[in-house]
Amino acid sequence: MWKRLPVDLKKKSRDLSLLWKLVSLLLQRDFASFFAQASAASAANALTVPLLARMLTTLIEEVRVENLKAMQSAYAVVSSEVAAPLLGVQSAQVGPLLLQQGWTQQAAAAAAGAGAATGGAAPAGSLFVPPAAVASKSREITKQQLQQLTGYIAHLED
């Protein structure tokens, strides 16, 4: 989309340039830079359109929520240093944020055996354990569903 926009429009619209920069950081999964630049833009009122400013605030929160969900499913134990850039906060702010979301805090020495967040070595500082995932109910596959699946596979193989 960015490549299709006329060059003069890109140069004239500071809002458009800033938004594209933020989108490109998200596409690159550079969350630390995204949060830093988005927060700076919000604080400096860099967006001239109030609706865009409100949308940016909403985007920051949505990215934080999605990263929190991803961390919950990806980590058995995570350090505040690892979580901070993913959540767009300082390491000291990670604890209250994760505890509010139901995570539990462990001392670094107690979780040294887990070491999931750092490849085996316990990091300095606090470690957090995500809340237990809700157990999914087992699914029973019926004979009709199995026959239908077999039919699909047979069709694909032909």
N, C-alpha and C. Protein backbone atom coordinates (compact mmCIF):
# COMPACT_ATOMS: atom_id res chain seq x y z
N MET A 1 0.82 -1.18 0.00
CA MET A 1 0.00 0.00 0.00
C MET A 1 0.87 1.26 0.00
N TRP A 2 1.91 1.25 0.80
CA TRP A 2 2.79 2.41 0.92
C TRP A 2 3.44 2.74 -0.41
N LYS A 3 3.82 1.72 -1.16
CA LYS A 3 4.48 1.94 -2.44
C LYS A 3 3.54 2.55 -3.47
N ARG A 4 2.25 2.33 -3.32
CA ARG A 4 1.27 2.84 -4.29
C ARG A 4 0.92 4.30 -4.07
N LEU A 5 1.19 4.82 -2.89
CA LEU A 5 0.85 6.22 -2.60
C LEU A 5 1.78 7.16 -3.35
N PRO A 6 1.25 8.25 -3.85
CA PRO A 6 2.10 9.24 -4.52
C PRO A 6 3.16 9.81 -3.57
N VAL A 7 4.34 10.03 -4.09
CA VAL A 7 5.46 10.51 -3.29
C VAL A 7 5.15 11.86 -2.65
N ASP A 8 4.48 12.76 -3.37
CA ASP A 8 4.18 14.07 -2.81
C ASP A 8 3.23 13.96 -1.62
N LEU A 9 2.30 13.00 -1.64
CA LEU A 9 1.40 12.79 -0.51
C LEU A 9 2.17 12.27 0.71
N LYS A 10 3.11 11.38 0.46
CA LYS A 10 3.93 10.86 1.56
C LYS A 10 4.73 11.98 2.23
N LYS A 11 5.25 12.89 1.42
CA LYS A 11 6.07 13.97 1.97
C LYS A 11 5.23 15.02 2.68
N LYS A 12 4.02 15.28 2.18
CA LYS A 12 3.17 16.32 2.76
C LYS A 12 2.55 15.90 4.09
N SER A 13 2.19 14.66 4.21
CA SER A 13 1.45 14.20 5.38
C SER A 13 2.39 13.61 6.43
N ARG A 14 2.65 14.40 7.46
CA ARG A 14 3.48 13.94 8.56
C ARG A 14 2.80 12.80 9.31
N ASP A 15 1.46 12.88 9.43
CA ASP A 15 0.71 11.83 10.10
C ASP A 15 0.86 10.50 9.36
N LEU A 16 0.74 10.54 8.06
CA LEU A 16 0.84 9.34 7.25
C LEU A 16 2.23 8.71 7.38
N SER A 17 3.25 9.51 7.35
CA SER A 17 4.62 9.01 7.49
C SER A 17 4.84 8.36 8.85
N LEU A 18 4.34 9.01 9.90
CA LEU A 18 4.49 8.47 11.24
C LEU A 18 3.74 7.15 11.39
N LEU A 19 2.51 7.10 10.87
CA LEU A 19 1.73 5.87 10.97
C LEU A 19 2.38 4.74 10.19
N TRP A 20 2.92 5.04 9.02
CA TRP A 20 3.58 3.99 8.25
C TRP A 20 4.82 3.49 8.99
N LYS A 21 5.53 4.37 9.62
CA LYS A 21 6.72 3.97 10.39
C LYS A 21 6.31 3.00 11.50
N LEU A 22 5.21 3.31 12.18
CA LEU A 22 4.74 2.44 13.26
C LEU A 22 4.27 1.09 12.71
N VAL A 23 3.55 1.11 11.61
CA VAL A 23 3.09 -0.14 11.00
C VAL A 23 4.27 -0.99 10.56
N SER A 24 5.27 -0.37 9.98
CA SER A 24 6.43 -1.14 9.53
C SER A 24 7.17 -1.76 10.72
N LEU A 25 7.20 -1.07 11.85
CA LEU A 25 7.82 -1.65 13.05
C LEU A 25 7.02 -2.86 13.54
N LEU A 26 5.71 -2.78 13.46
CA LEU A 26 4.88 -3.94 13.85
C LEU A 26 5.10 -5.10 12.88
N LEU A 27 5.18 -4.81 11.60
CA LEU A 27 5.40 -5.86 10.62
C LEU A 27 6.75 -6.54 10.84
N GLN A 28 7.72 -5.79 11.30
CA GLN A 28 9.05 -6.34 11.59
C GLN A 28 9.11 -6.99 12.98
N ARG A 29 8.02 -6.88 13.72
CA ARG A 29 7.90 -7.42 15.08
C ARG A 29 8.94 -6.80 16.02
N ASP A 30 9.25 -5.53 15.77
CA ASP A 30 10.16 -4.77 16.62
C ASP A 30 9.31 -4.01 17.63
N PHE A 31 8.85 -4.73 18.65
CA PHE A 31 7.90 -4.16 19.60
C PHE A 31 8.51 -3.07 20.48
N ALA A 32 9.77 -3.24 20.85
CA ALA A 32 10.41 -2.22 21.68
C ALA A 32 10.43 -0.87 20.96
N SER A 33 10.81 -0.87 19.69
CA SER A 33 10.84 0.38 18.92
C SER A 33 9.43 0.90 18.67
N PHE A 34 8.49 -0.01 18.40
CA PHE A 34 7.10 0.41 18.19
C PHE A 34 6.58 1.14 19.41
N PHE A 35 6.72 0.54 20.59
CA PHE A 35 6.20 1.17 21.80
C PHE A 35 6.92 2.49 22.09
N ALA A 36 8.23 2.53 21.87
CA ALA A 36 8.97 3.77 22.12
C ALA A 36 8.50 4.88 21.20
N GLN A 37 8.39 4.61 19.92
CA GLN A 37 7.99 5.66 18.98
C GLN A 37 6.52 6.03 19.12
N ALA A 38 5.67 5.04 19.39
CA ALA A 38 4.24 5.33 19.56
C ALA A 38 4.00 6.15 20.81
N SER A 39 4.70 5.82 21.89
CA SER A 39 4.56 6.59 23.13
C SER A 39 5.08 8.01 22.96
N ALA A 40 6.20 8.14 22.26
CA ALA A 40 6.76 9.48 22.00
C ALA A 40 5.80 10.29 21.14
N ALA A 41 5.21 9.67 20.16
CA ALA A 41 4.26 10.37 19.29
C ALA A 41 3.02 10.79 20.07
N SER A 42 2.54 9.92 20.95
CA SER A 42 1.37 10.26 21.77
C SER A 42 1.68 11.40 22.72
N ALA A 43 2.83 11.32 23.37
CA ALA A 43 3.21 12.33 24.36
C ALA A 43 3.43 13.69 23.71
N ALA A 44 3.98 13.69 22.51
CA ALA A 44 4.29 14.96 21.83
C ALA A 44 3.13 15.46 20.98
N ASN A 45 2.00 14.76 21.03
CA ASN A 45 0.86 15.11 20.18
C ASN A 45 1.29 15.27 18.72
N ALA A 46 2.07 14.29 18.25
CA ALA A 46 2.63 14.35 16.90
C ALA A 46 1.57 14.17 15.83
N LEU A 47 0.48 13.51 16.15
CA LEU A 47 -0.59 13.33 15.17
C LEU A 47 -1.52 14.54 15.23
N THR A 48 -1.77 15.13 14.08
CA THR A 48 -2.56 16.36 14.04
C THR A 48 -4.07 16.10 14.03
N VAL A 49 -4.47 14.90 13.67
CA VAL A 49 -5.89 14.56 13.63
C VAL A 49 -6.26 13.86 14.93
N PRO A 50 -7.19 14.41 15.72
CA PRO A 50 -7.54 13.81 17.01
C PRO A 50 -8.00 12.35 16.91
N LEU A 51 -8.72 12.02 15.87
CA LEU A 51 -9.17 10.63 15.70
C LEU A 51 -7.97 9.69 15.57
N LEU A 52 -6.95 10.09 14.83
CA LEU A 52 -5.75 9.27 14.68
C LEU A 52 -5.03 9.11 16.01
N ALA A 53 -5.01 10.16 16.79
CA ALA A 53 -4.36 10.09 18.11
C ALA A 53 -5.07 9.09 19.01
N ARG A 54 -6.42 9.12 18.99
CA ARG A 54 -7.18 8.15 19.79
C ARG A 54 -6.98 6.73 19.27
N MET A 55 -6.91 6.59 17.97
CA MET A 55 -6.69 5.27 17.38
C MET A 55 -5.30 4.74 17.73
N LEU A 56 -4.32 5.61 17.79
CA LEU A 56 -2.97 5.20 18.17
C LEU A 56 -2.95 4.70 19.61
N THR A 57 -3.65 5.40 20.50
CA THR A 57 -3.73 4.96 21.89
C THR A 57 -4.37 3.58 21.98
N THR A 58 -5.42 3.37 21.21
CA THR A 58 -6.09 2.07 21.18
C THR A 58 -5.16 0.99 20.61
N LEU A 59 -4.42 1.34 19.56
CA LEU A 59 -3.48 0.38 18.96
C LEU A 59 -2.41 -0.04 19.95
N ILE A 60 -1.88 0.91 20.69
CA ILE A 60 -0.85 0.60 21.69
C ILE A 60 -1.39 -0.42 22.69
N GLU A 61 -2.59 -0.20 23.17
CA GLU A 61 -3.19 -1.13 24.14
C GLU A 61 -3.47 -2.49 23.52
N GLU A 62 -3.95 -2.50 22.29
CA GLU A 62 -4.24 -3.77 21.61
C GLU A 62 -2.97 -4.59 21.39
N VAL A 63 -1.90 -3.94 20.99
CA VAL A 63 -0.64 -4.65 20.79
C VAL A 63 -0.15 -5.20 22.13
N ARG A 64 -0.28 -4.43 23.17
CA ARG A 64 0.12 -4.90 24.51
C ARG A 64 -0.71 -6.13 24.93
N VAL A 65 -2.01 -6.09 24.71
CA VAL A 65 -2.89 -7.21 25.08
C VAL A 65 -2.53 -8.45 24.26
N GLU A 66 -2.34 -8.28 22.96
CA GLU A 66 -1.99 -9.43 22.11
C GLU A 66 -0.64 -10.02 22.49
N ASN A 67 0.33 -9.18 22.81
CA ASN A 67 1.64 -9.68 23.24
C ASN A 67 1.54 -10.40 24.57
N LEU A 68 0.69 -9.91 25.45
CA LEU A 68 0.48 -10.58 26.73
C LEU A 68 -0.11 -11.97 26.51
N LYS A 69 -1.08 -12.09 25.60
CA LYS A 69 -1.66 -13.40 25.28
C LYS A 69 -0.60 -14.32 24.68
N ALA A 70 0.21 -13.79 23.78
CA ALA A 70 1.26 -14.60 23.15
C ALA A 70 2.28 -15.07 24.18
N MET A 71 2.64 -14.18 25.10
CA MET A 71 3.59 -14.56 26.16
C MET A 71 3.00 -15.66 27.03
N GLN A 72 1.72 -15.55 27.32
CA GLN A 72 1.06 -16.53 28.19
C GLN A 72 1.09 -17.92 27.56
N SER A 73 0.96 -17.99 26.25
CA SER A 73 0.97 -19.30 25.62
C SER A 73 2.38 -19.78 25.26
N ALA A 74 3.34 -18.87 25.16
CA ALA A 74 4.68 -19.24 24.73
C ALA A 74 5.65 -19.52 25.87
N TYR A 75 5.46 -18.92 27.02
CA TYR A 75 6.42 -19.03 28.11
C TYR A 75 5.86 -19.81 29.29
N ALA A 76 6.72 -20.64 29.87
CA ALA A 76 6.38 -21.27 31.15
C ALA A 76 6.83 -20.36 32.28
N VAL A 77 7.92 -19.65 32.05
CA VAL A 77 8.46 -18.66 33.00
C VAL A 77 9.09 -17.56 32.16
N VAL A 78 8.86 -16.32 32.54
CA VAL A 78 9.44 -15.20 31.80
C VAL A 78 9.99 -14.18 32.78
N SER A 79 11.12 -13.60 32.44
CA SER A 79 11.71 -12.57 33.30
C SER A 79 11.14 -11.21 32.96
N SER A 80 11.26 -10.30 33.90
CA SER A 80 10.76 -8.94 33.65
C SER A 80 11.56 -8.27 32.54
N GLU A 81 12.84 -8.64 32.39
CA GLU A 81 13.67 -8.05 31.34
C GLU A 81 13.23 -8.50 29.95
N VAL A 82 12.76 -9.73 29.84
CA VAL A 82 12.28 -10.24 28.55
C VAL A 82 10.90 -9.67 28.24
N ALA A 83 10.04 -9.57 29.26
CA ALA A 83 8.66 -9.13 29.05
C ALA A 83 8.56 -7.62 28.78
N ALA A 84 9.45 -6.83 29.33
CA ALA A 84 9.34 -5.38 29.23
C ALA A 84 9.25 -4.86 27.79
N PRO A 85 10.16 -5.24 26.89
CA PRO A 85 10.04 -4.73 25.53
C PRO A 85 8.80 -5.24 24.79
N LEU A 86 8.33 -6.42 25.14
CA LEU A 86 7.14 -6.96 24.50
C LEU A 86 5.87 -6.24 24.95
N LEU A 87 5.91 -5.67 26.15
CA LEU A 87 4.73 -4.99 26.69
C LEU A 87 4.84 -3.48 26.63
N GLY A 88 6.00 -2.97 26.22
CA GLY A 88 6.17 -1.53 26.08
C GLY A 88 6.25 -0.79 27.40
N VAL A 89 6.80 -1.44 28.41
CA VAL A 89 6.94 -0.81 29.72
C VAL A 89 8.36 -1.03 30.23
N GLN A 90 8.72 -0.33 31.29
CA GLN A 90 10.01 -0.52 31.93
C GLN A 90 9.99 -1.83 32.73
N SER A 91 11.15 -2.42 32.98
CA SER A 91 11.23 -3.67 33.72
C SER A 91 10.55 -3.59 35.08
N ALA A 92 10.64 -2.44 35.72
CA ALA A 92 10.02 -2.27 37.04
C ALA A 92 8.49 -2.28 36.96
N GLN A 93 7.93 -1.96 35.81
CA GLN A 93 6.47 -1.92 35.65
C GLN A 93 5.88 -3.26 35.23
N VAL A 94 6.73 -4.21 34.86
CA VAL A 94 6.26 -5.50 34.39
C VAL A 94 5.53 -6.25 35.50
N GLY A 95 6.10 -6.26 36.71
CA GLY A 95 5.52 -7.01 37.82
C GLY A 95 4.07 -6.66 38.09
N PRO A 96 3.77 -5.40 38.37
CA PRO A 96 2.37 -5.05 38.62
C PRO A 96 1.45 -5.37 37.45
N LEU A 97 1.93 -5.18 36.22
CA LEU A 97 1.11 -5.45 35.05
C LEU A 97 0.79 -6.95 34.94
N LEU A 98 1.80 -7.80 35.11
CA LEU A 98 1.57 -9.24 35.00
C LEU A 98 0.77 -9.77 36.18
N LEU A 99 1.04 -9.27 37.37
CA LEU A 99 0.29 -9.73 38.55
C LEU A 99 -1.18 -9.37 38.42
N GLN A 100 -1.46 -8.22 37.84
CA GLN A 100 -2.84 -7.80 37.62
C GLN A 100 -3.56 -8.74 36.64
N GLN A 101 -2.81 -9.36 35.76
CA GLN A 101 -3.37 -10.26 34.76
C GLN A 101 -3.40 -11.72 35.23
N GLY A 102 -3.08 -11.96 36.50
CA GLY A 102 -3.18 -13.30 37.06
C GLY A 102 -1.89 -14.11 37.05
N TRP A 103 -0.79 -13.50 36.64
CA TRP A 103 0.49 -14.19 36.67
C TRP A 103 0.97 -14.27 38.11
N THR A 104 1.86 -15.21 38.40
CA THR A 104 2.45 -15.30 39.74
C THR A 104 3.94 -15.01 39.65
N GLN A 105 4.45 -14.45 40.72
CA GLN A 105 5.87 -14.07 40.75
C GLN A 105 6.66 -15.11 41.50
N GLN A 106 7.83 -15.43 40.96
CA GLN A 106 8.75 -16.35 41.61
C GLN A 106 10.07 -15.64 41.84
N ALA A 107 10.77 -16.06 42.87
CA ALA A 107 12.12 -15.54 43.07
C ALA A 107 13.00 -16.14 41.98
N ALA A 108 14.00 -15.42 41.56
CA ALA A 108 14.87 -15.89 40.49
C ALA A 108 15.55 -17.21 40.85
N ALA A 109 15.93 -17.37 42.09
CA ALA A 109 16.61 -18.60 42.50
C ALA A 109 15.67 -19.80 42.46
N ALA A 110 14.38 -19.60 42.79
CA ALA A 110 13.43 -20.70 42.81
C ALA A 110 13.12 -21.20 41.41
N ALA A 111 13.19 -20.34 40.43
CA ALA A 111 12.85 -20.73 39.07
C ALA A 111 14.07 -21.01 38.21
N ALA A 112 15.22 -21.11 38.83
CA ALA A 112 16.45 -21.34 38.06
C ALA A 112 16.37 -22.61 37.24
N GLY A 113 15.69 -23.61 37.75
CA GLY A 113 15.55 -24.86 37.02
C GLY A 113 14.70 -24.72 35.78
N ALA A 114 13.71 -23.86 35.81
CA ALA A 114 12.82 -23.71 34.67
C ALA A 114 13.55 -23.02 33.52
N GLY A 115 14.05 -21.83 33.75
CA GLY A 115 14.88 -21.13 32.78
C GLY A 115 14.30 -21.02 31.38
N ALA A 116 13.00 -21.06 31.22
CA ALA A 116 12.39 -21.07 29.89
C ALA A 116 12.60 -19.75 29.16
N ALA A 117 12.68 -18.67 29.88
CA ALA A 117 12.76 -17.37 29.22
C ALA A 117 14.17 -17.03 28.75
N THR A 118 15.18 -17.70 29.32
CA THR A 118 16.53 -17.31 28.98
C THR A 118 17.40 -18.46 28.52
N GLY A 119 16.79 -19.53 28.11
CA GLY A 119 17.57 -20.64 27.58
C GLY A 119 18.33 -21.41 28.64
N GLY A 120 17.84 -21.43 29.87
CA GLY A 120 18.45 -22.25 30.90
C GLY A 120 19.04 -21.47 32.05
N ALA A 121 19.48 -20.25 31.85
CA ALA A 121 20.06 -19.47 32.93
C ALA A 121 19.01 -18.57 33.53
N ALA A 122 18.97 -18.54 34.85
CA ALA A 122 18.00 -17.67 35.51
C ALA A 122 18.48 -16.23 35.42
N PRO A 123 17.64 -15.31 34.96
CA PRO A 123 18.03 -13.92 34.83
C PRO A 123 18.03 -13.23 36.19
N ALA A 124 18.72 -12.12 36.24
CA ALA A 124 18.65 -11.30 37.45
C ALA A 124 17.28 -10.66 37.49
N GLY A 125 16.70 -10.56 38.67
CA GLY A 125 15.39 -9.93 38.78
C GLY A 125 14.28 -10.95 38.93
N SER A 126 13.08 -10.48 38.76
CA SER A 126 11.90 -11.29 39.00
C SER A 126 11.54 -12.16 37.80
N LEU A 127 10.99 -13.32 38.12
CA LEU A 127 10.46 -14.22 37.11
C LEU A 127 8.97 -14.37 37.34
N PHE A 128 8.23 -14.55 36.26
CA PHE A 128 6.78 -14.62 36.35
C PHE A 128 6.28 -15.87 35.63
N VAL A 129 5.27 -16.49 36.23
CA VAL A 129 4.66 -17.70 35.68
C VAL A 129 3.25 -17.32 35.24
N PRO A 130 2.88 -17.68 34.00
CA PRO A 130 1.53 -17.32 33.53
C PRO A 130 0.46 -18.13 34.25
N PRO A 131 -0.75 -17.60 34.25
CA PRO A 131 -1.84 -18.37 34.86
C PRO A 131 -2.05 -19.67 34.08
N ALA A 132 -2.56 -20.66 34.76
CA ALA A 132 -2.79 -21.96 34.11
C ALA A 132 -3.80 -21.77 32.98
N ALA A 133 -3.51 -22.38 31.88
CA ALA A 133 -4.42 -22.30 30.74
C ALA A 133 -5.69 -23.07 31.05
N VAL A 134 -6.77 -22.56 30.54
CA VAL A 134 -8.05 -23.24 30.74
C VAL A 134 -8.00 -24.55 29.96
N ALA A 135 -8.29 -25.63 30.66
CA ALA A 135 -8.25 -26.94 30.02
C ALA A 135 -9.34 -27.03 28.96
N SER A 136 -8.95 -27.44 27.79
CA SER A 136 -9.95 -27.57 26.73
C SER A 136 -10.68 -28.90 26.91
N LYS A 137 -11.96 -28.87 26.64
CA LYS A 137 -12.71 -30.10 26.79
C LYS A 137 -12.38 -31.02 25.64
N SER A 138 -12.32 -32.31 25.93
CA SER A 138 -11.95 -33.26 24.90
C SER A 138 -13.08 -33.34 23.88
N ARG A 139 -12.69 -33.52 22.65
CA ARG A 139 -13.67 -33.61 21.58
C ARG A 139 -13.82 -35.07 21.19
N GLU A 140 -15.03 -35.45 21.02
CA GLU A 140 -15.31 -36.80 20.58
C GLU A 140 -15.61 -36.75 19.10
N ILE A 141 -14.91 -37.57 18.34
CA ILE A 141 -15.10 -37.59 16.90
C ILE A 141 -16.11 -38.68 16.58
N THR A 142 -17.14 -38.29 15.84
CA THR A 142 -18.18 -39.25 15.48
C THR A 142 -17.77 -40.00 14.22
N LYS A 143 -18.46 -41.11 13.98
CA LYS A 143 -18.20 -41.92 12.80
C LYS A 143 -18.49 -41.11 11.53
N GLN A 144 -19.53 -40.29 11.56
CA GLN A 144 -19.88 -39.47 10.40
C GLN A 144 -18.78 -38.46 10.10
N GLN A 145 -18.21 -37.83 11.13
CA GLN A 145 -17.13 -36.87 10.92
C GLN A 145 -15.90 -37.56 10.34
N LEU A 146 -15.60 -38.75 10.83
CA LEU A 146 -14.46 -39.51 10.34
C LEU A 146 -14.66 -39.90 8.87
N GLN A 147 -15.87 -40.30 8.51
CA GLN A 147 -16.17 -40.63 7.11
C GLN A 147 -16.04 -39.40 6.21
N GLN A 148 -16.49 -38.25 6.71
CA GLN A 148 -16.41 -37.02 5.93
C GLN A 148 -14.94 -36.62 5.72
N LEU A 149 -14.13 -36.73 6.75
CA LEU A 149 -12.71 -36.43 6.65
C LEU A 149 -12.03 -37.37 5.67
N THR A 150 -12.38 -38.64 5.74
CA THR A 150 -11.81 -39.62 4.81
C THR A 150 -12.17 -39.28 3.38
N GLY A 151 -13.42 -38.84 3.18
CA GLY A 151 -13.85 -38.43 1.85
C GLY A 151 -13.05 -37.25 1.32
N TYR A 152 -12.76 -36.28 2.20
CA TYR A 152 -11.95 -35.12 1.79
C TYR A 152 -10.55 -35.55 1.39
N ILE A 153 -9.96 -36.43 2.18
CA ILE A 153 -8.60 -36.87 1.90
C ILE A 153 -8.56 -37.64 0.61
N ALA A 154 -9.54 -38.52 0.41
CA ALA A 154 -9.59 -39.29 -0.84
C ALA A 154 -9.75 -38.38 -2.04
N HIS A 155 -10.54 -37.34 -1.90
CA HIS A 155 -10.72 -36.38 -2.99
C HIS A 155 -9.43 -35.64 -3.30
N LEU A 156 -8.69 -35.26 -2.27
CA LEU A 156 -7.43 -34.53 -2.46
C LEU A 156 -6.37 -35.41 -3.10
N GLU A 157 -6.39 -36.70 -2.81
CA GLU A 157 -5.37 -37.60 -3.35
C GLU A 157 -5.62 -37.92 -4.81
N ASP A 158 -6.87 -37.75 -5.27
CA ASP A 158 -7.18 -38.08 -6.68
C ASP A 158 -6.66 -37.08 -7.64
